[in-house]
Protein backbone atom coordinates (compact mmCIF):
# COMPACT_ATOMS: atom_id res chain seq x y z
CA MET A 1 -0.11 0.18 0.06
CA ARG A 2 3.00 2.41 0.50
CA ASN A 3 4.31 2.62 -3.19
CA LEU A 4 1.03 3.20 -4.60
CA ASP A 5 1.73 5.92 -7.27
CA THR A 6 -1.78 7.91 -7.53
CA PRO A 7 -2.35 11.19 -9.41
CA VAL A 8 -2.39 13.38 -6.39
CA LYS A 9 0.87 11.84 -5.34
CA GLN A 10 2.29 12.73 -9.00
CA ILE A 11 0.94 16.50 -8.74
CA ARG A 12 2.30 16.68 -5.57
CA ARG A 13 5.54 15.98 -6.80
CA LYS A 14 5.56 18.10 -9.64
CA ILE A 15 4.44 21.19 -7.57
CA PHE A 16 7.46 20.47 -5.10
CA THR A 17 10.02 20.09 -7.87
CA GLU A 18 8.84 23.27 -9.73
CA ILE A 19 9.23 24.75 -6.19
CA ALA A 20 12.80 23.69 -5.95
CA LYS A 21 13.52 24.66 -9.54
CA ILE A 22 12.13 28.34 -8.82
CA GLY A 23 14.18 28.39 -5.60
CA PHE A 24 17.37 27.48 -7.04
CA GLU A 25 16.93 29.33 -10.48
CA SER A 26 14.64 32.56 -9.72
CA THR A 27 15.75 36.15 -8.80
CA ASP A 28 14.75 38.20 -6.47
CA GLU A 29 12.95 40.24 -9.54
CA SER A 30 11.12 37.41 -11.24
CA LEU A 31 10.23 35.48 -7.90
CA ILE A 32 6.71 36.42 -7.71
CA HIS A 33 6.33 36.03 -11.41
CA ASP A 34 8.07 32.73 -11.30
CA ILE A 35 5.70 31.22 -8.23
CA GLU A 36 2.34 32.64 -10.08
CA SER A 37 3.37 30.34 -13.19
CA ILE A 38 3.79 27.23 -11.27
CA PRO A 39 0.07 26.10 -12.37
CA TYR A 40 0.56 27.09 -15.61
CA ASN A 41 3.91 24.86 -15.89
CA ILE A 42 2.49 21.90 -14.41
CA VAL A 43 -1.04 21.38 -15.99
CA GLU A 44 -1.32 20.74 -19.87
CA GLU A 45 -3.58 22.50 -21.87
CA ARG A 46 -6.26 19.88 -21.72
CA ALA A 47 -7.91 19.20 -18.36
CA LYS A 48 -7.16 15.64 -17.18
CA TYR A 49 -9.12 15.16 -14.00
CA ARG A 50 -11.59 17.98 -13.62
CA GLU A 51 -14.02 19.61 -16.61
CA SER A 52 -12.26 22.62 -17.03
CA ILE A 53 -8.87 23.76 -17.35
CA TYR A 54 -8.91 26.79 -14.71
CA ARG A 55 -10.30 24.63 -12.18
CA GLU A 56 -7.37 22.25 -12.78
CA ARG A 57 -4.99 25.17 -12.54
CA ALA A 58 -6.64 26.43 -9.19
CA VAL A 59 -6.75 22.83 -7.58
CA ALA A 60 -2.84 22.48 -8.60
């Protein structure tokens, strides 16, 4: 049961990966913009788990 790879774990892993990238690569000037762009980097153009892409990005 411990090693089940669920969609929630995959999204969570993607979020933590993006946060770590931002922590290492962004500058003081681009930090806010980079943080706000995380949902657009993680979620594809088509909604996979929700009926709307906007709702999908809000959850991510």
